Amino acid sequence: MKIISTKVHGILDYLVGVILIASPWLFNFADGSAKMWIPIILGGSALVYSLMTNYELGAVKTLSMKTH
């Protein structure tokens, strides 16, 4: 059963990635520590696996939606 379409899922994936990357500056904890770098790395990872997913918004399309 699909709750949302894969296109909406893709939009949310990219949105979450960008928000994670921006969160240290949005919430004022950009001090160079691990608490800053962890969401940046997680957001970058989310963007990379989203680009690699086989759905409408994927660029490389090597990961199946199930694997994603």
PDB file of N, CA and C in Angstrom:
ATOM      1  N   MET A   1       0.834  -1.178   0.000  1.00  0.00           N
ATOM      2  CA  MET A   1       0.000   0.000   0.000  1.00  0.00           C
ATOM      3  C   MET A   1       0.884   1.248   0.000  1.00  0.00           C
ATOM      4  N   LYS A   2       0.669   2.121  -0.954  1.00  0.00           N
ATOM      5  CA  LYS A   2       1.426   3.358  -1.028  1.00  0.00           C
ATOM      6  C   LYS A   2       0.643   4.479  -0.355  1.00  0.00           C
ATOM      7  N   ILE A   3       1.295   5.160   0.550  1.00  0.00           N
ATOM      8  CA  ILE A   3       0.671   6.299   1.216  1.00  0.00           C
ATOM      9  C   ILE A   3       0.920   7.568   0.415  1.00  0.00           C
ATOM     10  N   ILE A   4       2.144   7.705  -0.101  1.00  0.00           N
ATOM     11  CA  ILE A   4       2.482   8.849  -0.952  1.00  0.00           C
ATOM     12  C   ILE A   4       3.117   8.328  -2.238  1.00  0.00           C
ATOM     13  N   SER A   5       3.051   9.135  -3.278  1.00  0.00           N
ATOM     14  CA  SER A   5       3.660   8.736  -4.546  1.00  0.00           C
ATOM     15  C   SER A   5       5.183   8.815  -4.445  1.00  0.00           C
ATOM     16  N   THR A   6       5.851   8.159  -5.382  1.00  0.00           N
ATOM     17  CA  THR A   6       7.312   8.212  -5.378  1.00  0.00           C
ATOM     18  C   THR A   6       7.810   9.620  -5.701  1.00  0.00           C
ATOM     19  N   LYS A   7       7.044  10.381  -6.469  1.00  0.00           N
ATOM     20  CA  LYS A   7       7.455  11.757  -6.769  1.00  0.00           C
ATOM     21  C   LYS A   7       7.436  12.615  -5.505  1.00  0.00           C
ATOM     22  N   VAL A   8       6.367  12.506  -4.713  1.00  0.00           N
ATOM     23  CA  VAL A   8       6.288  13.245  -3.444  1.00  0.00           C
ATOM     24  C   VAL A   8       7.382  12.768  -2.502  1.00  0.00           C
ATOM     25  N   HIS A   9       7.633  11.465  -2.486  1.00  0.00           N
ATOM     26  CA  HIS A   9       8.700  10.898  -1.655  1.00  0.00           C
ATOM     27  C   HIS A   9      10.039  11.527  -2.032  1.00  0.00           C
ATOM     28  N   GLY A  10      10.293  11.642  -3.338  1.00  0.00           N
ATOM     29  CA  GLY A  10      11.537  12.248  -3.801  1.00  0.00           C
ATOM     30  C   GLY A  10      11.680  13.695  -3.366  1.00  0.00           C
ATOM     31  N   ILE A  11      10.603  14.456  -3.494  1.00  0.00           N
ATOM     32  CA  ILE A  11      10.627  15.856  -3.063  1.00  0.00           C
ATOM     33  C   ILE A  11      10.953  15.943  -1.579  1.00  0.00           C
ATOM     34  N   LEU A  12      10.311  15.101  -0.783  1.00  0.00           N
ATOM     35  CA  LEU A  12      10.573  15.091   0.664  1.00  0.00           C
ATOM     36  C   LEU A  12      12.011  14.674   0.971  1.00  0.00           C
ATOM     37  N   ASP A  13      12.538  13.707   0.221  1.00  0.00           N
ATOM     38  CA  ASP A  13      13.933  13.281   0.409  1.00  0.00           C
ATOM     39  C   ASP A  13      14.888  14.456   0.247  1.00  0.00           C
ATOM     40  N   TYR A  14      14.745  15.184  -0.854  1.00  0.00           N
ATOM     41  CA  TYR A  14      15.639  16.315  -1.115  1.00  0.00           C
ATOM     42  C   TYR A  14      15.423  17.437  -0.102  1.00  0.00           C
ATOM     43  N   LEU A  15      14.198  17.677   0.270  1.00  0.00           N
ATOM     44  CA  LEU A  15      13.896  18.713   1.257  1.00  0.00           C
ATOM     45  C   LEU A  15      14.542  18.391   2.604  1.00  0.00           C
ATOM     46  N   VAL A  16      14.421  17.158   3.045  1.00  0.00           N
ATOM     47  CA  VAL A  16      15.030  16.739   4.313  1.00  0.00           C
ATOM     48  C   VAL A  16      16.553  16.866   4.245  1.00  0.00           C
ATOM     49  N   GLY A  17      17.152  16.475   3.119  1.00  0.00           N
ATOM     50  CA  GLY A  17      18.602  16.601   2.963  1.00  0.00           C
ATOM     51  C   GLY A  17      19.068  18.038   3.098  1.00  0.00           C
ATOM     52  N   VAL A  18      18.377  18.945   2.429  1.00  0.00           N
ATOM     53  CA  VAL A  18      18.744  20.363   2.484  1.00  0.00           C
ATOM     54  C   VAL A  18      18.533  20.927   3.889  1.00  0.00           C
ATOM     55  N   ILE A  19      17.433  20.569   4.527  1.00  0.00           N
ATOM     56  CA  ILE A  19      17.170  21.067   5.886  1.00  0.00           C
ATOM     57  C   ILE A  19      18.222  20.556   6.868  1.00  0.00           C
ATOM     58  N   LEU A  20      18.611  19.281   6.739  1.00  0.00           N
ATOM     59  CA  LEU A  20      19.659  18.751   7.614  1.00  0.00           C
ATOM     60  C   LEU A  20      20.967  19.507   7.418  1.00  0.00           C
ATOM     61  N   ILE A  21      21.329  19.777   6.164  1.00  0.00           N
ATOM     62  CA  ILE A  21      22.570  20.501   5.893  1.00  0.00           C
ATOM     63  C   ILE A  21      22.508  21.914   6.458  1.00  0.00           C
ATOM     64  N   ALA A  22      21.373  22.571   6.353  1.00  0.00           N
ATOM     65  CA  ALA A  22      21.229  23.958   6.810  1.00  0.00           C
ATOM     66  C   ALA A  22      20.970  24.082   8.307  1.00  0.00           C
ATOM     67  N   SER A  23      20.603  22.999   8.970  1.00  0.00           N
ATOM     68  CA  SER A  23      20.172  23.078  10.371  1.00  0.00           C
ATOM     69  C   SER A  23      21.185  23.694  11.342  1.00  0.00           C
ATOM     70  N   PRO A  24      22.492  23.477  11.198  1.00  0.00           N
ATOM     71  CA  PRO A  24      23.410  24.129  12.145  1.00  0.00           C
ATOM     72  C   PRO A  24      23.307  25.665  12.115  1.00  0.00           C
ATOM     73  N   TRP A  25      23.044  26.216  10.938  1.00  0.00           N
ATOM     74  CA  TRP A  25      22.925  27.672  10.831  1.00  0.00           C
ATOM     75  C   TRP A  25      21.513  28.135  11.165  1.00  0.00           C
ATOM     76  N   LEU A  26      20.516  27.322  10.833  1.00  0.00           N
ATOM     77  CA  LEU A  26      19.135  27.685  11.150  1.00  0.00           C
ATOM     78  C   LEU A  26      18.889  27.717  12.661  1.00  0.00           C
ATOM     79  N   PHE A  27      19.530  26.791  13.372  1.00  0.00           N
ATOM     80  CA  PHE A  27      19.296  26.649  14.809  1.00  0.00           C
ATOM     81  C   PHE A  27      20.495  27.064  15.660  1.00  0.00           C
ATOM     82  N   ASN A  28      21.422  27.786  15.061  1.00  0.00           N
ATOM     83  CA  ASN A  28      22.557  28.397  15.758  1.00  0.00           C
ATOM     84  C   ASN A  28      23.440  27.424  16.544  1.00  0.00           C
ATOM     85  N   PHE A  29      23.862  26.344  15.879  1.00  0.00           N
ATOM     86  CA  PHE A  29      24.867  25.492  16.521  1.00  0.00           C
ATOM     87  C   PHE A  29      26.012  25.182  15.558  1.00  0.00           C
ATOM     88  N   ALA A  30      26.298  26.143  14.680  1.00  0.00           N
ATOM     89  CA  ALA A  30      27.402  25.998  13.718  1.00  0.00           C
ATOM     90  C   ALA A  30      28.704  26.446  14.366  1.00  0.00           C
ATOM     91  N   ASP A  31      29.279  25.545  15.168  1.00  0.00           N
ATOM     92  CA  ASP A  31      30.488  25.892  15.914  1.00  0.00           C
ATOM     93  C   ASP A  31      31.688  25.014  15.555  1.00  0.00           C
ATOM     94  N   GLY A  32      31.554  24.194  14.516  1.00  0.00           N
ATOM     95  CA  GLY A  32      32.661  23.341  14.092  1.00  0.00           C
ATOM     96  C   GLY A  32      32.766  22.024  14.827  1.00  0.00           C
ATOM     97  N   SER A  33      31.885  21.778  15.772  1.00  0.00           N
ATOM     98  CA  SER A  33      31.945  20.536  16.546  1.00  0.00           C
ATOM     99  C   SER A  33      31.175  19.423  15.831  1.00  0.00           C
ATOM    100  N   ALA A  34      31.174  18.247  16.452  1.00  0.00           N
ATOM    101  CA  ALA A  34      30.457  17.104  15.885  1.00  0.00           C
ATOM    102  C   ALA A  34      28.970  17.388  15.758  1.00  0.00           C
ATOM    103  N   LYS A  35      28.421  18.148  16.705  1.00  0.00           N
ATOM    104  CA  LYS A  35      26.987  18.444  16.637  1.00  0.00           C
ATOM    105  C   LYS A  35      26.640  19.269  15.401  1.00  0.00           C
ATOM    106  N   MET A  36      27.617  19.930  14.809  1.00  0.00           N
ATOM    107  CA  MET A  36      27.416  20.645  13.557  1.00  0.00           C
ATOM    108  C   MET A  36      27.598  19.708  12.359  1.00  0.00           C
ATOM    109  N   TRP A  37      28.647  18.889  12.394  1.00  0.00           N
ATOM    110  CA  TRP A  37      28.994  18.077  11.237  1.00  0.00           C
ATOM    111  C   TRP A  37      28.089  16.875  11.022  1.00  0.00           C
ATOM    112  N   ILE A  38      27.529  16.308  12.074  1.00  0.00           N
ATOM    113  CA  ILE A  38      26.683  15.118  11.914  1.00  0.00           C
ATOM    114  C   ILE A  38      25.463  15.398  11.033  1.00  0.00           C
ATOM    115  N   PRO A  39      24.672  16.458  11.266  1.00  0.00           N
ATOM    116  CA  PRO A  39      23.539  16.692  10.354  1.00  0.00           C
ATOM    117  C   PRO A  39      23.980  17.071   8.940  1.00  0.00           C
ATOM    118  N   ILE A  40      25.127  17.708   8.796  1.00  0.00           N
ATOM    119  CA  ILE A  40      25.624  18.047   7.455  1.00  0.00           C
ATOM    120  C   ILE A  40      25.959  16.763   6.688  1.00  0.00           C
ATOM    121  N   ILE A  41      26.635  15.833   7.341  1.00  0.00           N
ATOM    122  CA  ILE A  41      26.992  14.559   6.702  1.00  0.00           C
ATOM    123  C   ILE A  41      25.740  13.739   6.398  1.00  0.00           C
ATOM    124  N   LEU A  42      24.808  13.690   7.344  1.00  0.00           N
ATOM    125  CA  LEU A  42      23.565  12.946   7.116  1.00  0.00           C
ATOM    126  C   LEU A  42      22.756  13.560   5.980  1.00  0.00           C
ATOM    127  N   GLY A  43      22.686  14.883   5.923  1.00  0.00           N
ATOM    128  CA  GLY A  43      21.962  15.553   4.842  1.00  0.00           C
ATOM    129  C   GLY A  43      22.611  15.303   3.493  1.00  0.00           C
ATOM    130  N   GLY A  44      23.937  15.362   3.445  1.00  0.00           N
ATOM    131  CA  GLY A  44      24.643  15.063   2.201  1.00  0.00           C
ATOM    132  C   GLY A  44      24.420  13.628   1.760  1.00  0.00           C
ATOM    133  N   SER A  45      24.425  12.718   2.720  1.00  0.00           N
ATOM    134  CA  SER A  45      24.170  11.309   2.409  1.00  0.00           C
ATOM    135  C   SER A  45      22.756  11.122   1.872  1.00  0.00           C
ATOM    136  N   ALA A  46      21.794  11.800   2.465  1.00  0.00           N
ATOM    137  CA  ALA A  46      20.408  11.719   1.991  1.00  0.00           C
ATOM    138  C   ALA A  46      20.290  12.218   0.555  1.00  0.00           C
ATOM    139  N   LEU A  47      20.994  13.288   0.240  1.00  0.00           N
ATOM    140  CA  LEU A  47      20.969  13.806  -1.127  1.00  0.00           C
ATOM    141  C   LEU A  47      21.604  12.820  -2.108  1.00  0.00           C
ATOM    142  N   VAL A  48      22.720  12.207  -1.702  1.00  0.00           N
ATOM    143  CA  VAL A  48      23.406  11.254  -2.583  1.00  0.00           C
ATOM    144  C   VAL A  48      22.534  10.035  -2.847  1.00  0.00           C
ATOM    145  N   TYR A  49      21.961   9.422  -1.804  1.00  0.00           N
ATOM    146  CA  TYR A  49      21.160   8.226  -2.071  1.00  0.00           C
ATOM    147  C   TYR A  49      19.858   8.568  -2.775  1.00  0.00           C
ATOM    148  N   SER A  50      19.366   9.791  -2.608  1.00  0.00           N
ATOM    149  CA  SER A  50      18.184  10.204  -3.366  1.00  0.00           C
ATOM    150  C   SER A  50      18.516  10.361  -4.845  1.00  0.00           C
ATOM    151  N   LEU A  51      19.675  10.916  -5.140  1.00  0.00           N
ATOM    152  CA  LEU A  51      20.105  11.044  -6.539  1.00  0.00           C
ATOM    153  C   LEU A  51      20.303   9.679  -7.192  1.00  0.00           C
ATOM    154  N   MET A  52      20.632   8.663  -6.381  1.00  0.00           N
ATOM    155  CA  MET A  52      20.902   7.327  -6.906  1.00  0.00           C
ATOM    156  C   MET A  52      19.674   6.421  -6.940  1.00  0.00           C
ATOM    157  N   THR A  53      18.528   6.899  -6.456  1.00  0.00           N
ATOM    158  CA  THR A  53      17.326   6.070  -6.375  1.00  0.00           C
ATOM    159  C   THR A  53      16.585   6.053  -7.714  1.00  0.00           C
ATOM    160  N   ASN A  54      16.030   4.909  -8.043  1.00  0.00           N
ATOM    161  CA  ASN A  54      15.288   4.737  -9.288  1.00  0.00           C
ATOM    162  C   ASN A  54      13.850   5.217  -9.102  1.00  0.00           C
ATOM    163  N   TYR A  55      13.672   6.535  -9.118  1.00  0.00           N
ATOM    164  CA  TYR A  55      12.349   7.151  -9.131  1.00  0.00           C
ATOM    165  C   TYR A  55      12.409   8.422  -9.957  1.00  0.00           C
ATOM    166  N   GLU A  56      11.298   9.125 -10.065  1.00  0.00           N
ATOM    167  CA  GLU A  56      11.206  10.260 -10.982  1.00  0.00           C
ATOM    168  C   GLU A  56      12.297  11.306 -10.772  1.00  0.00           C
ATOM    169  N   LEU A  57      12.718  11.514  -9.554  1.00  0.00           N
ATOM    170  CA  LEU A  57      13.676  12.567  -9.250  1.00  0.00           C
ATOM    171  C   LEU A  57      15.107  12.061  -9.086  1.00  0.00           C
ATOM    172  N   GLY A  58      15.329  10.796  -9.351  1.00  0.00           N
ATOM    173  CA  GLY A  58      16.678  10.245  -9.285  1.00  0.00           C
ATOM    174  C   GLY A  58      17.474  10.585 -10.533  1.00  0.00           C
ATOM    175  N   ALA A  59      18.759  10.792 -10.388  1.00  0.00           N
ATOM    176  CA  ALA A  59      19.607  11.143 -11.523  1.00  0.00           C
ATOM    177  C   ALA A  59      20.338   9.928 -12.083  1.00  0.00           C
ATOM    178  N   VAL A  60      20.882   9.087 -11.199  1.00  0.00           N
ATOM    179  CA  VAL A  60      21.673   7.940 -11.630  1.00  0.00           C
ATOM    180  C   VAL A  60      20.832   6.667 -11.703  1.00  0.00           C
ATOM    181  N   LYS A  61      19.851   6.535 -10.842  1.00  0.00           N
ATOM    182  CA  LYS A  61      18.871   5.441 -10.819  1.00  0.00           C
ATOM    183  C   LYS A  61      19.499   4.038 -10.693  1.00  0.00           C
ATOM    184  N   THR A  62      20.368   3.884  -9.701  1.00  0.00           N
ATOM    185  CA  THR A  62      20.989   2.589  -9.474  1.00  0.00           C
ATOM    186  C   THR A  62      20.384   1.850  -8.274  1.00  0.00           C
ATOM    187  N   LEU A  63      19.767   2.545  -7.352  1.00  0.00           N
ATOM    188  CA  LEU A  63      19.120   1.914  -6.189  1.00  0.00           C
ATOM    189  C   LEU A  63      17.629   1.724  -6.463  1.00  0.00           C
ATOM    190  N   SER A  64      17.117   0.557  -6.144  1.00  0.00           N
ATOM    191  CA  SER A  64      15.677   0.365  -6.279  1.00  0.00           C
ATOM    192  C   SER A  64      14.957   1.140  -5.179  1.00  0.00           C
ATOM    193  N   MET A  65      13.702   1.392  -5.391  1.00  0.00           N
ATOM    194  CA  MET A  65      12.923   2.105  -4.370  1.00  0.00           C
ATOM    195  C   MET A  65      12.854   1.270  -3.084  1.00  0.00           C
ATOM    196  N   LYS A  66      12.793  -0.043  -3.225  1.00  0.00           N
ATOM    197  CA  LYS A  66      12.760  -0.914  -2.043  1.00  0.00           C
ATOM    198  C   LYS A  66      14.055  -0.795  -1.238  1.00  0.00           C
ATOM    199  N   THR A  67      15.191  -0.757  -1.911  1.00  0.00           N
ATOM    200  CA  THR A  67      16.476  -0.609  -1.238  1.00  0.00           C
ATOM    201  C   THR A  67      16.607   0.758  -0.602  1.00  0.00           C
ATOM    202  N   HIS A  68      16.123   1.767  -1.278  1.00  0.00           N
ATOM    203  CA  HIS A  68      16.146   3.140  -0.784  1.00  0.00           C
ATOM    204  C   HIS A  68      15.462   3.193   0.562  1.00  0.00           C
TER     205      HIS A  68
END
